[in-house]
Amino acid sequence: MLRVALVLSGCGVQDGAEIHESVLCLVALQQRGAEVVYCAPNVEFQSVNHLTGAAGETRNVLVESARIARGKIRDIAGLGASEVDAAVLPGGFGAAKNLCTFASDGAGCRVNEATATFLRALHAAGKPIGAACIAPALLAKLFGSELHPELTIGSDAGTAAALESMGAKHVTATAGQAVVDRKNLLVTTPAYMCAASAAAAWPGIDAMVKQTLALVPR
């Protein structure tokens, strides 16, 4: 059985992991018999009231991500690349605010240290990484200047330009598609960057998970 890290960034589209995308990733993984290892960084963040849009209290990414994981979750700082066969990152603003600072700093962003260490180690071990929605921005920052990977965030010109300024090669795609970079073992899909509903995001997320698992060394 394959073990796949589902890297979460909180709980809620405006300040954490996009819940619909997280669940769709989970379903796609479980339908293929994968064991999901939930993980998130143990760091603080500024929450957002999802009803009003107002800034909320300071919360913890790991604690909030545990809501999606039903409590069974690992601190990504303590998760070794040897423990899993692949990783999948749902989107949501948490991916751009808590896993990295792309939301505020654009191409000059920084990646959370524990998240960067885990993903770099995974890549160095020849294990694939899948990402949805805005999460490919994190991959562009980690691997862009060295590997020039092919990634997608859909069709938004400004965001695509930011990824390319970090060294990635952006590929325009629809919500139903996944872009596979076989050389660099990266698979990405636009999800809610293009989709108007969970149903519209599902085909691309399902394809992303399928292609990510297909790249796992056998």
N, C-alpha and C. Protein backbone atom coordinates (compact mmCIF):
# COMPACT_ATOMS: atom_id res chain seq x y z
N MET A 1 0.84 -1.20 0.00
CA MET A 1 0.00 0.00 0.00
C MET A 1 0.87 1.25 0.00
N LEU A 2 0.56 2.18 -0.90
CA LEU A 2 1.29 3.43 -0.94
C LEU A 2 0.89 4.32 0.23
N ARG A 3 1.85 5.04 0.78
CA ARG A 3 1.58 6.00 1.84
C ARG A 3 1.84 7.40 1.26
N VAL A 4 0.86 8.28 1.37
CA VAL A 4 0.95 9.60 0.76
C VAL A 4 0.72 10.68 1.80
N ALA A 5 1.62 11.63 1.88
CA ALA A 5 1.46 12.77 2.79
C ALA A 5 0.47 13.76 2.17
N LEU A 6 -0.57 14.09 2.92
CA LEU A 6 -1.50 15.14 2.51
C LEU A 6 -1.13 16.37 3.32
N VAL A 7 -0.50 17.34 2.65
CA VAL A 7 0.09 18.49 3.34
C VAL A 7 -0.96 19.60 3.45
N LEU A 8 -1.43 19.84 4.67
CA LEU A 8 -2.49 20.81 4.92
C LEU A 8 -1.91 22.12 5.44
N SER A 9 -2.71 23.18 5.33
CA SER A 9 -2.23 24.52 5.70
C SER A 9 -3.22 25.26 6.59
N GLY A 10 -4.06 24.51 7.30
CA GLY A 10 -5.11 25.11 8.10
C GLY A 10 -6.44 24.54 7.69
N CYS A 11 -7.52 25.27 7.92
CA CYS A 11 -8.86 24.75 7.64
C CYS A 11 -9.77 25.88 7.18
N GLY A 12 -9.89 26.07 5.87
CA GLY A 12 -10.74 27.12 5.34
C GLY A 12 -10.07 27.89 4.23
N VAL A 13 -10.80 28.16 3.16
CA VAL A 13 -10.21 28.71 1.95
C VAL A 13 -9.50 30.04 2.16
N GLN A 14 -9.99 30.89 3.05
CA GLN A 14 -9.42 32.23 3.16
C GLN A 14 -8.16 32.32 4.00
N ASP A 15 -7.90 31.30 4.82
CA ASP A 15 -6.70 31.37 5.66
C ASP A 15 -6.03 30.02 5.86
N GLY A 16 -6.51 28.98 5.19
CA GLY A 16 -5.95 27.64 5.39
C GLY A 16 -6.12 26.78 4.15
N ALA A 17 -6.16 25.48 4.35
CA ALA A 17 -6.38 24.57 3.24
C ALA A 17 -7.83 24.67 2.76
N GLU A 18 -8.02 24.69 1.44
CA GLU A 18 -9.36 24.71 0.86
C GLU A 18 -10.00 23.37 1.19
N ILE A 19 -11.12 23.40 1.91
CA ILE A 19 -11.70 22.17 2.44
C ILE A 19 -12.20 21.26 1.33
N HIS A 20 -12.88 21.82 0.32
CA HIS A 20 -13.37 21.00 -0.77
C HIS A 20 -12.19 20.29 -1.46
N GLU A 21 -11.14 21.04 -1.76
CA GLU A 21 -9.98 20.45 -2.43
C GLU A 21 -9.32 19.39 -1.56
N SER A 22 -9.23 19.66 -0.27
CA SER A 22 -8.61 18.68 0.65
C SER A 22 -9.38 17.38 0.64
N VAL A 23 -10.71 17.47 0.70
CA VAL A 23 -11.53 16.27 0.73
C VAL A 23 -11.48 15.55 -0.62
N LEU A 24 -11.49 16.29 -1.71
CA LEU A 24 -11.39 15.65 -3.03
C LEU A 24 -10.06 14.93 -3.19
N CYS A 25 -8.98 15.53 -2.70
CA CYS A 25 -7.68 14.86 -2.73
C CYS A 25 -7.73 13.58 -1.90
N LEU A 26 -8.34 13.68 -0.73
CA LEU A 26 -8.47 12.51 0.15
C LEU A 26 -9.25 11.39 -0.53
N VAL A 27 -10.37 11.73 -1.14
CA VAL A 27 -11.19 10.72 -1.81
C VAL A 27 -10.42 10.07 -2.95
N ALA A 28 -9.74 10.89 -3.76
CA ALA A 28 -8.98 10.36 -4.89
C ALA A 28 -7.87 9.42 -4.42
N LEU A 29 -7.24 9.75 -3.31
CA LEU A 29 -6.18 8.90 -2.76
C LEU A 29 -6.76 7.61 -2.21
N GLN A 30 -7.83 7.71 -1.43
CA GLN A 30 -8.40 6.52 -0.82
C GLN A 30 -9.02 5.59 -1.86
N GLN A 31 -9.59 6.14 -2.91
CA GLN A 31 -10.15 5.29 -3.97
C GLN A 31 -9.08 4.44 -4.64
N ARG A 32 -7.84 4.90 -4.57
CA ARG A 32 -6.73 4.15 -5.17
C ARG A 32 -5.96 3.34 -4.14
N GLY A 33 -6.53 3.22 -2.95
CA GLY A 33 -5.95 2.35 -1.93
C GLY A 33 -4.77 2.92 -1.18
N ALA A 34 -4.54 4.22 -1.29
CA ALA A 34 -3.40 4.82 -0.61
C ALA A 34 -3.72 5.07 0.87
N GLU A 35 -2.73 4.93 1.71
CA GLU A 35 -2.84 5.32 3.10
C GLU A 35 -2.45 6.78 3.21
N VAL A 36 -3.31 7.62 3.75
CA VAL A 36 -3.06 9.05 3.82
C VAL A 36 -2.41 9.40 5.16
N VAL A 37 -1.30 10.11 5.09
CA VAL A 37 -0.62 10.62 6.28
C VAL A 37 -0.83 12.13 6.30
N TYR A 38 -1.71 12.59 7.15
CA TYR A 38 -1.97 14.03 7.24
C TYR A 38 -0.80 14.72 7.94
N CYS A 39 -0.43 15.90 7.44
CA CYS A 39 0.63 16.64 8.09
C CYS A 39 0.45 18.14 7.84
N ALA A 40 1.06 18.95 8.70
CA ALA A 40 0.99 20.41 8.58
C ALA A 40 2.09 20.99 9.46
N PRO A 41 2.52 22.21 9.16
CA PRO A 41 3.52 22.85 10.02
C PRO A 41 2.90 23.34 11.32
N ASN A 42 3.68 23.27 12.38
CA ASN A 42 3.23 23.71 13.70
C ASN A 42 3.63 25.17 13.89
N VAL A 43 2.87 26.07 13.25
CA VAL A 43 3.17 27.51 13.30
C VAL A 43 1.87 28.29 13.50
N GLU A 44 2.02 29.52 13.96
CA GLU A 44 0.86 30.38 14.19
C GLU A 44 0.51 31.15 12.91
N PHE A 45 -0.77 31.56 12.80
CA PHE A 45 -1.19 32.37 11.67
C PHE A 45 -2.37 33.24 12.08
N GLN A 46 -2.64 34.27 11.27
CA GLN A 46 -3.77 35.16 11.51
C GLN A 46 -4.99 34.60 10.82
N SER A 47 -6.00 34.23 11.59
CA SER A 47 -7.20 33.63 11.00
C SER A 47 -8.11 34.69 10.39
N VAL A 48 -9.07 34.21 9.60
CA VAL A 48 -10.05 35.06 8.95
C VAL A 48 -11.44 34.54 9.28
N ASN A 49 -12.34 35.42 9.65
CA ASN A 49 -13.73 35.05 9.86
C ASN A 49 -14.35 34.76 8.50
N HIS A 50 -14.72 33.52 8.24
CA HIS A 50 -15.21 33.14 6.92
C HIS A 50 -16.63 33.61 6.66
N LEU A 51 -17.31 34.09 7.68
CA LEU A 51 -18.65 34.63 7.49
C LEU A 51 -18.60 36.10 7.09
N THR A 52 -17.71 36.86 7.73
CA THR A 52 -17.65 38.31 7.49
C THR A 52 -16.43 38.75 6.69
N GLY A 53 -15.40 37.92 6.64
CA GLY A 53 -14.17 38.31 5.97
C GLY A 53 -13.23 39.11 6.84
N ALA A 54 -13.63 39.38 8.08
CA ALA A 54 -12.79 40.17 8.98
C ALA A 54 -11.66 39.33 9.55
N ALA A 55 -10.57 40.00 9.92
CA ALA A 55 -9.46 39.32 10.56
C ALA A 55 -9.90 38.76 11.91
N GLY A 56 -9.44 37.57 12.21
CA GLY A 56 -9.78 36.92 13.46
C GLY A 56 -8.57 36.80 14.38
N GLU A 57 -8.66 35.88 15.31
CA GLU A 57 -7.59 35.71 16.28
C GLU A 57 -6.42 34.92 15.69
N THR A 58 -5.32 34.91 16.41
CA THR A 58 -4.17 34.10 16.02
C THR A 58 -4.48 32.63 16.33
N ARG A 59 -4.24 31.77 15.37
CA ARG A 59 -4.47 30.34 15.55
C ARG A 59 -3.23 29.56 15.12
N ASN A 60 -3.30 28.24 15.25
CA ASN A 60 -2.18 27.37 14.92
C ASN A 60 -2.53 26.52 13.69
N VAL A 61 -1.63 26.46 12.72
CA VAL A 61 -1.88 25.74 11.47
C VAL A 61 -2.10 24.26 11.73
N LEU A 62 -1.26 23.65 12.56
CA LEU A 62 -1.39 22.23 12.84
C LEU A 62 -2.71 21.91 13.54
N VAL A 63 -3.07 22.73 14.50
CA VAL A 63 -4.32 22.53 15.24
C VAL A 63 -5.53 22.67 14.32
N GLU A 64 -5.53 23.70 13.48
CA GLU A 64 -6.66 23.90 12.57
C GLU A 64 -6.72 22.80 11.50
N SER A 65 -5.57 22.35 11.02
CA SER A 65 -5.55 21.28 10.02
C SER A 65 -6.08 19.98 10.59
N ALA A 66 -5.94 19.80 11.89
CA ALA A 66 -6.44 18.60 12.55
C ALA A 66 -7.95 18.46 12.41
N ARG A 67 -8.65 19.56 12.15
CA ARG A 67 -10.10 19.50 11.92
C ARG A 67 -10.39 18.65 10.68
N ILE A 68 -9.62 18.87 9.61
CA ILE A 68 -9.82 18.11 8.38
C ILE A 68 -9.35 16.66 8.57
N ALA A 69 -8.28 16.49 9.33
CA ALA A 69 -7.70 15.16 9.53
C ALA A 69 -8.43 14.34 10.59
N ARG A 70 -9.46 14.91 11.18
CA ARG A 70 -10.20 14.24 12.26
C ARG A 70 -9.28 13.89 13.42
N GLY A 71 -8.28 14.77 13.63
CA GLY A 71 -7.40 14.67 14.79
C GLY A 71 -6.13 13.89 14.58
N LYS A 72 -6.06 13.05 13.56
CA LYS A 72 -4.89 12.21 13.35
C LYS A 72 -3.95 12.89 12.36
N ILE A 73 -3.00 13.66 12.88
CA ILE A 73 -2.14 14.47 12.01
C ILE A 73 -0.75 14.57 12.59
N ARG A 74 0.23 14.73 11.73
CA ARG A 74 1.64 14.83 12.12
C ARG A 74 2.15 16.24 11.91
N ASP A 75 3.06 16.66 12.77
CA ASP A 75 3.83 17.88 12.54
C ASP A 75 4.78 17.58 11.38
N ILE A 76 4.72 18.36 10.33
CA ILE A 76 5.53 18.07 9.15
C ILE A 76 7.03 18.11 9.47
N ALA A 77 7.40 18.83 10.53
CA ALA A 77 8.81 18.89 10.92
C ALA A 77 9.32 17.53 11.39
N GLY A 78 8.42 16.66 11.82
CA GLY A 78 8.83 15.35 12.30
C GLY A 78 8.53 14.22 11.34
N LEU A 79 8.09 14.56 10.13
CA LEU A 79 7.77 13.56 9.12
C LEU A 79 8.93 13.41 8.16
N GLY A 80 9.46 12.21 8.06
CA GLY A 80 10.59 11.97 7.18
C GLY A 80 10.16 11.56 5.79
N ALA A 81 10.96 11.91 4.79
CA ALA A 81 10.64 11.52 3.42
C ALA A 81 10.60 10.02 3.26
N SER A 82 11.34 9.30 4.09
CA SER A 82 11.37 7.84 4.00
C SER A 82 10.07 7.19 4.46
N GLU A 83 9.21 7.97 5.13
CA GLU A 83 7.97 7.42 5.68
C GLU A 83 6.82 7.39 4.68
N VAL A 84 6.97 8.09 3.56
CA VAL A 84 5.89 8.17 2.57
C VAL A 84 6.44 7.94 1.17
N ASP A 85 5.52 7.69 0.24
CA ASP A 85 5.90 7.44 -1.15
C ASP A 85 5.67 8.65 -2.05
N ALA A 86 4.88 9.62 -1.57
CA ALA A 86 4.53 10.80 -2.37
C ALA A 86 3.90 11.82 -1.44
N ALA A 87 3.65 13.01 -1.98
CA ALA A 87 2.94 14.05 -1.23
C ALA A 87 1.95 14.74 -2.15
N VAL A 88 0.85 15.20 -1.56
CA VAL A 88 -0.17 15.96 -2.29
C VAL A 88 -0.50 17.20 -1.47
N LEU A 89 -0.55 18.36 -2.14
CA LEU A 89 -0.84 19.63 -1.48
C LEU A 89 -2.13 20.23 -2.04
N PRO A 90 -3.21 20.28 -1.25
CA PRO A 90 -4.39 21.04 -1.67
C PRO A 90 -4.06 22.53 -1.67
N GLY A 91 -4.95 23.31 -2.31
CA GLY A 91 -4.75 24.76 -2.32
C GLY A 91 -5.46 25.45 -1.18
N GLY A 92 -5.98 26.63 -1.44
CA GLY A 92 -6.49 27.50 -0.40
C GLY A 92 -5.44 28.53 -0.07
N PHE A 93 -5.87 29.70 0.46
CA PHE A 93 -4.91 30.76 0.75
C PHE A 93 -3.88 30.34 1.78
N GLY A 94 -4.19 29.33 2.58
CA GLY A 94 -3.19 28.85 3.54
C GLY A 94 -1.92 28.36 2.86
N ALA A 95 -2.07 27.78 1.67
CA ALA A 95 -0.89 27.31 0.94
C ALA A 95 0.01 28.48 0.56
N ALA A 96 -0.60 29.65 0.35
CA ALA A 96 0.15 30.85 -0.06
C ALA A 96 0.43 31.79 1.10
N LYS A 97 -0.12 31.50 2.28
CA LYS A 97 0.08 32.36 3.45
C LYS A 97 0.81 31.65 4.58
N ASN A 98 0.53 30.35 4.75
CA ASN A 98 1.07 29.59 5.87
C ASN A 98 2.18 28.63 5.48
N LEU A 99 2.06 28.01 4.29
CA LEU A 99 3.14 27.15 3.81
C LEU A 99 4.24 27.96 3.15
N CYS A 100 3.87 29.12 2.63
CA CYS A 100 4.83 30.06 2.08
C CYS A 100 4.21 31.45 2.18
N THR A 101 4.92 32.47 1.72
CA THR A 101 4.40 33.84 1.82
C THR A 101 4.07 34.42 0.46
N PHE A 102 3.71 33.56 -0.49
CA PHE A 102 3.42 34.04 -1.84
C PHE A 102 2.29 35.06 -1.86
N ALA A 103 1.30 34.90 -0.99
CA ALA A 103 0.15 35.80 -0.98
C ALA A 103 0.56 37.24 -0.71
N SER A 104 1.57 37.44 0.11
CA SER A 104 2.01 38.79 0.47
C SER A 104 3.27 39.22 -0.26
N ASP A 105 4.13 38.28 -0.62
CA ASP A 105 5.44 38.62 -1.17
C ASP A 105 5.63 38.23 -2.63
N GLY A 106 4.66 37.56 -3.23
CA GLY A 106 4.79 37.18 -4.63
C GLY A 106 6.03 36.34 -4.88
N ALA A 107 6.72 36.63 -5.97
CA ALA A 107 7.89 35.85 -6.36
C ALA A 107 9.02 35.93 -5.35
N GLY A 108 8.98 36.93 -4.48
CA GLY A 108 10.01 37.05 -3.44
C GLY A 108 9.67 36.31 -2.17
N CYS A 109 8.73 35.38 -2.26
CA CYS A 109 8.21 34.69 -1.07
C CYS A 109 9.23 33.77 -0.43
N ARG A 110 8.94 33.41 0.80
CA ARG A 110 9.72 32.43 1.56
C ARG A 110 8.82 31.23 1.82
N VAL A 111 9.42 30.06 1.85
CA VAL A 111 8.68 28.82 2.14
C VAL A 111 8.91 28.45 3.60
N ASN A 112 7.84 28.05 4.29
CA ASN A 112 7.99 27.57 5.66
C ASN A 112 9.12 26.55 5.73
N GLU A 113 10.02 26.71 6.69
CA GLU A 113 11.25 25.93 6.72
C GLU A 113 10.99 24.42 6.81
N ALA A 114 10.09 24.02 7.69
CA ALA A 114 9.82 22.58 7.86
C ALA A 114 9.18 21.99 6.61
N THR A 115 8.30 22.76 5.98
CA THR A 115 7.65 22.30 4.74
C THR A 115 8.67 22.18 3.62
N ALA A 116 9.54 23.17 3.51
CA ALA A 116 10.58 23.14 2.49
C ALA A 116 11.52 21.96 2.68
N THR A 117 11.92 21.71 3.91
CA THR A 117 12.83 20.60 4.20
C THR A 117 12.21 19.27 3.81
N PHE A 118 10.94 19.08 4.16
CA PHE A 118 10.26 17.83 3.82
C PHE A 118 10.13 17.64 2.32
N LEU A 119 9.67 18.67 1.62
CA LEU A 119 9.44 18.54 0.18
C LEU A 119 10.74 18.39 -0.59
N ARG A 120 11.78 19.09 -0.16
CA ARG A 120 13.09 18.93 -0.82
C ARG A 120 13.62 17.51 -0.62
N ALA A 121 13.46 16.99 0.58
CA ALA A 121 13.93 15.63 0.86
C ALA A 121 13.15 14.61 0.05
N LEU A 122 11.85 14.84 -0.08
CA LEU A 122 11.01 13.94 -0.87
C LEU A 122 11.46 13.93 -2.32
N HIS A 123 11.70 15.13 -2.87
CA HIS A 123 12.14 15.23 -4.26
C HIS A 123 13.51 14.59 -4.45
N ALA A 124 14.41 14.81 -3.49
CA ALA A 124 15.75 14.23 -3.58
C ALA A 124 15.70 12.71 -3.56
N ALA A 125 14.67 12.16 -2.92
CA ALA A 125 14.51 10.71 -2.85
C ALA A 125 13.81 10.14 -4.08
N GLY A 126 13.49 11.01 -5.06
CA GLY A 126 12.84 10.55 -6.28
C GLY A 126 11.38 10.21 -6.11
N LYS A 127 10.72 10.92 -5.19
CA LYS A 127 9.30 10.66 -4.92
C LYS A 127 8.47 11.84 -5.41
N PRO A 128 7.31 11.58 -6.02
CA PRO A 128 6.54 12.63 -6.67
C PRO A 128 5.75 13.50 -5.71
N ILE A 129 5.42 14.71 -6.20
CA ILE A 129 4.62 15.68 -5.45
C ILE A 129 3.51 16.19 -6.35
N GLY A 130 2.28 16.16 -5.85
CA GLY A 130 1.15 16.72 -6.56
C GLY A 130 0.67 17.97 -5.84
N ALA A 131 0.13 18.93 -6.59
CA ALA A 131 -0.34 20.18 -5.96
C ALA A 131 -1.53 20.73 -6.73
N ALA A 132 -2.45 21.34 -5.99
CA ALA A 132 -3.67 21.89 -6.57
C ALA A 132 -3.78 23.38 -6.31
N CYS A 133 -4.52 24.06 -7.20
CA CYS A 133 -4.90 25.46 -7.00
C CYS A 133 -3.66 26.36 -6.95
N ILE A 134 -3.46 27.08 -5.85
CA ILE A 134 -2.33 28.01 -5.72
C ILE A 134 -1.08 27.32 -5.15
N ALA A 135 -1.21 26.09 -4.67
CA ALA A 135 -0.07 25.40 -4.08
C ALA A 135 1.12 25.24 -5.04
N PRO A 136 0.93 25.15 -6.37
CA PRO A 136 2.09 25.09 -7.25
C PRO A 136 3.04 26.28 -7.11
N ALA A 137 2.57 27.42 -6.59
CA ALA A 137 3.47 28.56 -6.37
C ALA A 137 4.58 28.19 -5.41
N LEU A 138 4.25 27.38 -4.43
CA LEU A 138 5.25 26.92 -3.47
C LEU A 138 6.30 26.06 -4.17
N LEU A 139 5.84 25.19 -5.08
CA LEU A 139 6.77 24.34 -5.82
C LEU A 139 7.66 25.18 -6.74
N ALA A 140 7.08 26.23 -7.32
CA ALA A 140 7.88 27.12 -8.17
C ALA A 140 9.01 27.76 -7.37
N LYS A 141 8.70 28.17 -6.14
CA LYS A 141 9.72 28.79 -5.31
C LYS A 141 10.80 27.79 -4.90
N LEU A 142 10.39 26.58 -4.55
CA LEU A 142 11.35 25.58 -4.10
C LEU A 142 12.25 25.07 -5.22
N PHE A 143 11.66 24.84 -6.40
CA PHE A 143 12.39 24.13 -7.45
C PHE A 143 12.58 24.94 -8.74
N GLY A 144 11.99 26.13 -8.83
CA GLY A 144 11.99 26.87 -10.08
C GLY A 144 13.37 27.21 -10.62
N SER A 145 14.21 27.80 -9.80
CA SER A 145 15.50 28.29 -10.29
C SER A 145 16.44 27.15 -10.68
N GLU A 146 16.26 26.00 -10.05
CA GLU A 146 17.15 24.86 -10.30
C GLU A 146 16.61 23.91 -11.37
N LEU A 147 15.31 23.61 -11.31
CA LEU A 147 14.75 22.56 -12.16
C LEU A 147 13.89 23.09 -13.30
N HIS A 148 13.43 24.33 -13.20
CA HIS A 148 12.52 24.91 -14.20
C HIS A 148 11.35 23.98 -14.52
N PRO A 149 10.60 23.59 -13.52
CA PRO A 149 9.51 22.63 -13.73
C PRO A 149 8.33 23.21 -14.49
N GLU A 150 7.57 22.34 -15.13
CA GLU A 150 6.32 22.73 -15.78
C GLU A 150 5.20 22.61 -14.75
N LEU A 151 4.51 23.73 -14.52
CA LEU A 151 3.46 23.80 -13.51
C LEU A 151 2.26 24.55 -14.07
N THR A 152 1.10 24.39 -13.42
CA THR A 152 -0.06 25.19 -13.79
C THR A 152 -0.78 25.72 -12.56
N ILE A 153 -1.31 26.92 -12.70
CA ILE A 153 -2.27 27.45 -11.74
C ILE A 153 -3.56 27.80 -12.49
N GLY A 154 -3.65 27.33 -13.74
CA GLY A 154 -4.83 27.59 -14.56
C GLY A 154 -4.51 28.53 -15.70
N SER A 155 -5.09 29.73 -15.63
CA SER A 155 -4.92 30.67 -16.75
C SER A 155 -4.75 32.12 -16.31
N ASP A 156 -4.63 32.37 -15.02
CA ASP A 156 -4.47 33.75 -14.55
C ASP A 156 -3.09 34.27 -14.95
N ALA A 157 -3.06 35.31 -15.77
CA ALA A 157 -1.80 35.78 -16.35
C ALA A 157 -0.84 36.31 -15.29
N GLY A 158 -1.35 37.05 -14.32
CA GLY A 158 -0.48 37.63 -13.30
C GLY A 158 0.18 36.58 -12.44
N THR A 159 -0.59 35.60 -12.00
CA THR A 159 -0.03 34.53 -11.16
C THR A 159 0.93 33.67 -11.97
N ALA A 160 0.57 33.39 -13.23
CA ALA A 160 1.45 32.62 -14.10
C ALA A 160 2.79 33.33 -14.28
N ALA A 161 2.74 34.64 -14.46
CA ALA A 161 3.98 35.42 -14.62
C ALA A 161 4.84 35.34 -13.37
N ALA A 162 4.21 35.35 -12.21
CA ALA A 162 4.97 35.25 -10.96
C ALA A 162 5.67 33.90 -10.85
N LEU A 163 4.98 32.84 -11.25
CA LEU A 163 5.62 31.52 -11.23
C LEU A 163 6.80 31.47 -12.19
N GLU A 164 6.63 32.07 -13.36
CA GLU A 164 7.72 32.05 -14.34
C GLU A 164 8.89 32.91 -13.87
N SER A 165 8.62 33.97 -13.13
CA SER A 165 9.72 34.79 -12.62
C SER A 165 10.53 34.04 -11.56
N MET A 166 9.94 32.98 -10.99
CA MET A 166 10.67 32.15 -10.04
C MET A 166 11.39 31.00 -10.74
N GLY A 167 11.25 30.92 -12.05
CA GLY A 167 11.98 29.91 -12.82
C GLY A 167 11.14 28.78 -13.36
N ALA A 168 9.85 28.73 -13.00
CA ALA A 168 8.98 27.67 -13.51
C ALA A 168 8.53 27.98 -14.93
N LYS A 169 8.03 26.98 -15.61
CA LYS A 169 7.43 27.13 -16.93
C LYS A 169 5.94 26.91 -16.76
N HIS A 170 5.14 27.97 -16.92
CA HIS A 170 3.71 27.82 -16.70
C HIS A 170 3.02 27.24 -17.92
N VAL A 171 2.10 26.30 -17.65
CA VAL A 171 1.31 25.67 -18.70
C VAL A 171 -0.15 25.99 -18.42
N THR A 172 -0.81 26.64 -19.35
CA THR A 172 -2.22 26.96 -19.18
C THR A 172 -3.05 25.67 -19.19
N ALA A 173 -3.98 25.57 -18.24
CA ALA A 173 -4.80 24.37 -18.13
C ALA A 173 -6.18 24.74 -17.60
N THR A 174 -7.13 23.85 -17.79
CA THR A 174 -8.48 24.03 -17.27
C THR A 174 -8.61 23.25 -15.96
N ALA A 175 -9.73 23.47 -15.28
CA ALA A 175 -9.96 22.80 -14.01
C ALA A 175 -10.01 21.28 -14.15
N GLY A 176 -10.32 20.81 -15.33
CA GLY A 176 -10.43 19.38 -15.54
C GLY A 176 -9.13 18.71 -15.94
N GLN A 177 -8.06 19.48 -16.01
CA GLN A 177 -6.79 18.93 -16.49
C GLN A 177 -5.73 18.89 -15.39
N ALA A 178 -4.74 18.04 -15.60
CA ALA A 178 -3.55 18.00 -14.75
C ALA A 178 -2.33 18.09 -15.65
N VAL A 179 -1.35 18.87 -15.21
CA VAL A 179 -0.10 19.02 -15.96
C VAL A 179 0.96 18.14 -15.30
N VAL A 180 1.54 17.24 -16.07
CA VAL A 180 2.50 16.27 -15.54
C VAL A 180 3.91 16.63 -16.00
N ASP A 181 4.79 16.89 -15.06
CA ASP A 181 6.20 17.09 -15.35
C ASP A 181 6.91 15.81 -14.93
N ARG A 182 7.06 14.89 -15.86
CA ARG A 182 7.62 13.58 -15.54
C ARG A 182 9.09 13.67 -15.14
N LYS A 183 9.81 14.56 -15.76
CA LYS A 183 11.22 14.70 -15.45
C LYS A 183 11.44 15.09 -14.00
N ASN A 184 10.63 16.02 -13.52
CA ASN A 184 10.81 16.53 -12.16
C ASN A 184 9.84 15.93 -11.15
N LEU A 185 9.00 14.98 -11.60
CA LEU A 185 8.08 14.26 -10.71
C LEU A 185 7.11 15.20 -10.00
N LEU A 186 6.57 16.16 -10.75
CA LEU A 186 5.61 17.11 -10.22
C LEU A 186 4.34 17.09 -11.06
N VAL A 187 3.17 17.11 -10.39
CA VAL A 187 1.89 17.09 -11.09
C VAL A 187 1.01 18.17 -10.47
N THR A 188 0.42 19.00 -11.31
CA THR A 188 -0.37 20.13 -10.79
C THR A 188 -1.70 20.26 -11.53
N THR A 189 -2.67 20.87 -10.85
CA THR A 189 -3.99 21.09 -11.44
C THR A 189 -4.57 22.40 -10.91
N PRO A 190 -5.35 23.15 -11.70
CA PRO A 190 -5.84 24.46 -11.26
C PRO A 190 -6.87 24.42 -10.14
N ALA A 191 -7.72 23.39 -10.10
CA ALA A 191 -8.80 23.30 -9.11
C ALA A 191 -9.57 24.61 -9.04
N TYR A 192 -9.73 25.19 -7.83
CA TYR A 192 -10.55 26.38 -7.67
C TYR A 192 -9.92 27.66 -8.25
N MET A 193 -8.72 27.58 -8.79
CA MET A 193 -8.21 28.73 -9.54
C MET A 193 -9.03 28.92 -10.81
N CYS A 194 -9.67 27.84 -11.25
CA CYS A 194 -10.52 27.90 -12.45
C CYS A 194 -11.93 27.40 -12.18
N ALA A 195 -12.06 26.40 -11.33
CA ALA A 195 -13.35 25.75 -11.11
C ALA A 195 -14.32 26.64 -10.36
N ALA A 196 -15.61 26.48 -10.66
CA ALA A 196 -16.65 27.24 -9.98
C ALA A 196 -17.36 26.39 -8.93
N SER A 197 -16.97 25.11 -8.82
CA SER A 197 -17.62 24.23 -7.86
C SER A 197 -16.71 23.04 -7.57
N ALA A 198 -17.03 22.32 -6.51
CA ALA A 198 -16.27 21.12 -6.18
C ALA A 198 -16.40 20.09 -7.30
N ALA A 199 -17.59 19.98 -7.87
CA ALA A 199 -17.81 19.03 -8.96
C ALA A 199 -16.92 19.35 -10.16
N ALA A 200 -16.73 20.65 -10.44
CA ALA A 200 -15.88 21.05 -11.57
C ALA A 200 -14.40 20.83 -11.26
N ALA A 201 -14.02 20.92 -9.98
CA ALA A 201 -12.62 20.72 -9.59
C ALA A 201 -12.25 19.25 -9.55
N TRP A 202 -13.25 18.38 -9.37
CA TRP A 202 -12.98 16.95 -9.16
C TRP A 202 -12.19 16.29 -10.30
N PRO A 203 -12.55 16.44 -11.59
CA PRO A 203 -11.81 15.72 -12.62
C PRO A 203 -10.32 16.04 -12.63
N GLY A 204 -9.97 17.31 -12.44
CA GLY A 204 -8.56 17.68 -12.43
C GLY A 204 -7.84 17.16 -11.21
N ILE A 205 -8.48 17.23 -10.05
CA ILE A 205 -7.85 16.71 -8.83
C ILE A 205 -7.69 15.20 -8.92
N ASP A 206 -8.70 14.52 -9.43
CA ASP A 206 -8.60 13.08 -9.60
C ASP A 206 -7.46 12.72 -10.55
N ALA A 207 -7.34 13.48 -11.64
CA ALA A 207 -6.25 13.23 -12.59
C ALA A 207 -4.90 13.53 -11.96
N MET A 208 -4.83 14.61 -11.17
CA MET A 208 -3.57 14.95 -10.51
C MET A 208 -3.12 13.84 -9.57
N VAL A 209 -4.05 13.34 -8.76
CA VAL A 209 -3.70 12.26 -7.83
C VAL A 209 -3.31 11.00 -8.59
N LYS A 210 -4.09 10.66 -9.62
CA LYS A 210 -3.79 9.46 -10.42
C LYS A 210 -2.40 9.54 -11.01
N GLN A 211 -2.05 10.68 -11.60
CA GLN A 211 -0.74 10.83 -12.24
C GLN A 211 0.39 10.92 -11.23
N THR A 212 0.12 11.50 -10.05
CA THR A 212 1.14 11.54 -9.01
C THR A 212 1.48 10.13 -8.55
N LEU A 213 0.47 9.32 -8.30
CA LEU A 213 0.72 7.95 -7.86
C LEU A 213 1.39 7.12 -8.95
N ALA A 214 1.09 7.44 -10.19
CA ALA A 214 1.71 6.71 -11.30
C ALA A 214 3.21 6.97 -11.38
N LEU A 215 3.66 8.07 -10.83
CA LEU A 215 5.09 8.40 -10.85
C LEU A 215 5.88 7.81 -9.68
N VAL A 216 5.17 7.18 -8.74
CA VAL A 216 5.88 6.56 -7.61
C VAL A 216 6.73 5.42 -8.12
N PRO A 217 8.01 5.38 -7.76
CA PRO A 217 8.88 4.27 -8.19
C PRO A 217 8.35 2.94 -7.68
N ARG A 218 8.31 1.95 -8.53
CA ARG A 218 7.84 0.62 -8.14
C ARG A 218 9.02 -0.36 -8.05
